[in-house]
Amino acid sequence: MEQALVLVATFQATPDTRVELLARLSEMVALTSAEPGCLRYDLHVDREDDTRFVFVETWATVGDWDRHMQTDHVLALLRDVPMLTTSGVQLTRLNPV
């Protein structure tokens, strides 16, 4: 049986893009949470840096995440990420220990 995929996705906004990035990431929560295979999709903000946003995601399978990455809402966000962040999105894939 395939192991679930756990991801951490980090976005670093600039002070000027913080509000817009937060709005765009917040929209992603409702859209993505309804997708097949999405087990967890939680948005957080760094307690010490309110321009740093972090998603903690759990997908039932890698295929579910792959399909998520091809949705219109993800593609639109990824298109705009270079303008809204200092360094794009940083993805970390995790396995349980």
C-alpha atoms as a PDB file:
ATOM      1  CA  MET A   1       0.000   0.000   0.000  1.00  0.00           C
ATOM      2  CA  GLU A   2       1.282   3.439  -0.928  1.00  0.00           C
ATOM      3  CA  GLN A   3       2.302   5.698   1.926  1.00  0.00           C
ATOM      4  CA  ALA A   4       0.609   9.080   2.286  1.00  0.00           C
ATOM      5  CA  LEU A   5       2.601  12.098   1.116  1.00  0.00           C
ATOM      6  CA  VAL A   6       3.223  14.835   3.676  1.00  0.00           C
ATOM      7  CA  LEU A   7       4.474  18.199   2.436  1.00  0.00           C
ATOM      8  CA  VAL A   8       5.447  21.525   3.912  1.00  0.00           C
ATOM      9  CA  ALA A   9       5.176  24.426   1.473  1.00  0.00           C
ATOM     10  CA  THR A  10       6.705  27.741   2.561  1.00  0.00           C
ATOM     11  CA  PHE A  11       6.085  31.153   1.000  1.00  0.00           C
ATOM     12  CA  GLN A  12       8.013  34.293   1.997  1.00  0.00           C
ATOM     13  CA  ALA A  13       6.147  37.478   1.108  1.00  0.00           C
ATOM     14  CA  THR A  14       7.571  40.960   1.089  1.00  0.00           C
ATOM     15  CA  PRO A  15       5.961  43.548   3.375  1.00  0.00           C
ATOM     16  CA  ASP A  16       4.278  45.011   0.264  1.00  0.00           C
ATOM     17  CA  THR A  17       2.852  41.678  -0.942  1.00  0.00           C
ATOM     18  CA  ARG A  18       1.880  40.164   2.422  1.00  0.00           C
ATOM     19  CA  VAL A  19      -1.832  41.016   2.278  1.00  0.00           C
ATOM     20  CA  GLU A  20      -2.273  39.827  -1.304  1.00  0.00           C
ATOM     21  CA  LEU A  21      -0.323  36.611  -0.729  1.00  0.00           C
ATOM     22  CA  LEU A  22      -2.327  35.834   2.400  1.00  0.00           C
ATOM     23  CA  ALA A  23      -5.569  36.329   0.460  1.00  0.00           C
ATOM     24  CA  ARG A  24      -4.404  34.076  -2.372  1.00  0.00           C
ATOM     25  CA  LEU A  25      -3.189  31.343  -0.001  1.00  0.00           C
ATOM     26  CA  SER A  26      -6.396  31.534   2.036  1.00  0.00           C
ATOM     27  CA  GLU A  27      -8.426  30.971  -1.159  1.00  0.00           C
ATOM     28  CA  MET A  28      -6.399  27.830  -1.747  1.00  0.00           C
ATOM     29  CA  VAL A  29      -7.590  26.242   1.507  1.00  0.00           C
ATOM     30  CA  ALA A  30     -11.247  25.882   0.514  1.00  0.00           C
ATOM     31  CA  LEU A  31     -10.461  24.892  -3.069  1.00  0.00           C
ATOM     32  CA  THR A  32      -7.818  22.328  -2.189  1.00  0.00           C
ATOM     33  CA  SER A  33      -9.504  20.815   0.858  1.00  0.00           C
ATOM     34  CA  ALA A  34     -12.322  19.607  -1.419  1.00  0.00           C
ATOM     35  CA  GLU A  35      -9.958  17.799  -3.802  1.00  0.00           C
ATOM     36  CA  PRO A  36      -9.873  13.983  -3.917  1.00  0.00           C
ATOM     37  CA  GLY A  37      -7.076  12.589  -1.770  1.00  0.00           C
ATOM     38  CA  CYS A  38      -6.518  15.756   0.250  1.00  0.00           C
ATOM     39  CA  LEU A  39      -6.326  14.607   3.870  1.00  0.00           C
ATOM     40  CA  ARG A  40      -4.906  17.802   5.365  1.00  0.00           C
ATOM     41  CA  TYR A  41      -4.272  21.289   4.003  1.00  0.00           C
ATOM     42  CA  ASP A  42      -3.571  23.724   6.815  1.00  0.00           C
ATOM     43  CA  LEU A  43      -2.268  27.268   6.368  1.00  0.00           C
ATOM     44  CA  HIS A  44      -0.077  28.810   9.078  1.00  0.00           C
ATOM     45  CA  VAL A  45       1.799  32.057   9.595  1.00  0.00           C
ATOM     46  CA  ASP A  46       5.175  32.238  11.319  1.00  0.00           C
ATOM     47  CA  ARG A  47       4.809  33.661  14.849  1.00  0.00           C
ATOM     48  CA  GLU A  48       8.012  35.663  14.494  1.00  0.00           C
ATOM     49  CA  ASP A  49       7.679  36.749  10.857  1.00  0.00           C
ATOM     50  CA  ASP A  50       4.169  37.562   9.657  1.00  0.00           C
ATOM     51  CA  THR A  51       5.330  37.592   6.032  1.00  0.00           C
ATOM     52  CA  ARG A  52       6.207  33.870   6.131  1.00  0.00           C
ATOM     53  CA  PHE A  53       3.343  31.467   5.361  1.00  0.00           C
ATOM     54  CA  VAL A  54       3.462  27.690   5.640  1.00  0.00           C
ATOM     55  CA  PHE A  55       1.106  25.004   4.380  1.00  0.00           C
ATOM     56  CA  VAL A  56       1.185  21.584   6.026  1.00  0.00           C
ATOM     57  CA  GLU A  57      -0.358  19.154   3.554  1.00  0.00           C
ATOM     58  CA  THR A  58      -1.142  15.455   3.629  1.00  0.00           C
ATOM     59  CA  TRP A  59      -2.186  13.627   0.473  1.00  0.00           C
ATOM     60  CA  ALA A  60      -3.452  10.055   0.312  1.00  0.00           C
ATOM     61  CA  THR A  61      -1.143   9.310  -2.618  1.00  0.00           C
ATOM     62  CA  VAL A  62       1.538  11.002  -4.695  1.00  0.00           C
ATOM     63  CA  GLY A  63      -0.877  10.781  -7.631  1.00  0.00           C
ATOM     64  CA  ASP A  64      -3.450  12.851  -5.720  1.00  0.00           C
ATOM     65  CA  TRP A  65      -0.822  15.534  -5.109  1.00  0.00           C
ATOM     66  CA  ASP A  66       0.297  15.384  -8.749  1.00  0.00           C
ATOM     67  CA  ARG A  67      -3.308  16.009  -9.856  1.00  0.00           C
ATOM     68  CA  HIS A  68      -3.576  18.872  -7.344  1.00  0.00           C
ATOM     69  CA  MET A  69      -0.505  20.498  -8.871  1.00  0.00           C
ATOM     70  CA  GLN A  70      -2.261  20.582 -12.276  1.00  0.00           C
ATOM     71  CA  THR A  71      -5.469  22.270 -11.086  1.00  0.00           C
ATOM     72  CA  ASP A  72      -6.322  25.733 -12.371  1.00  0.00           C
ATOM     73  CA  HIS A  73      -6.052  27.314  -8.912  1.00  0.00           C
ATOM     74  CA  VAL A  74      -2.551  25.916  -8.286  1.00  0.00           C
ATOM     75  CA  LEU A  75      -1.321  26.869 -11.748  1.00  0.00           C
ATOM     76  CA  ALA A  76      -2.657  30.415 -11.283  1.00  0.00           C
ATOM     77  CA  LEU A  77      -0.945  30.734  -7.911  1.00  0.00           C
ATOM     78  CA  LEU A  78       2.335  29.350  -9.221  1.00  0.00           C
ATOM     79  CA  ARG A  79       2.191  31.815 -12.111  1.00  0.00           C
ATOM     80  CA  ASP A  80       1.970  34.720  -9.642  1.00  0.00           C
ATOM     81  CA  VAL A  81       4.292  33.399  -6.916  1.00  0.00           C
ATOM     82  CA  PRO A  82       7.409  35.099  -8.373  1.00  0.00           C
ATOM     83  CA  MET A  83       5.681  38.490  -8.004  1.00  0.00           C
ATOM     84  CA  LEU A  84       4.278  37.754  -4.525  1.00  0.00           C
ATOM     85  CA  THR A  85       7.281  36.156  -2.823  1.00  0.00           C
ATOM     86  CA  THR A  86      10.980  36.732  -2.316  1.00  0.00           C
ATOM     87  CA  SER A  87      12.032  33.248  -3.426  1.00  0.00           C
ATOM     88  CA  GLY A  88       9.112  31.292  -4.816  1.00  0.00           C
ATOM     89  CA  VAL A  89       7.693  28.342  -2.934  1.00  0.00           C
ATOM     90  CA  GLN A  90       9.933  26.026  -0.940  1.00  0.00           C
ATOM     91  CA  LEU A  91       8.669  22.440  -0.808  1.00  0.00           C
ATOM     92  CA  THR A  92       9.738  19.846   1.732  1.00  0.00           C
ATOM     93  CA  ARG A  93       8.491  16.263   1.334  1.00  0.00           C
ATOM     94  CA  LEU A  94       8.298  14.264   4.550  1.00  0.00           C
ATOM     95  CA  ASN A  95       7.955  10.614   5.526  1.00  0.00           C
ATOM     96  CA  PRO A  96       6.775   9.486   8.953  1.00  0.00           C
ATOM     97  CA  VAL A  97       9.447   8.028  11.209  1.00  0.00           C
END
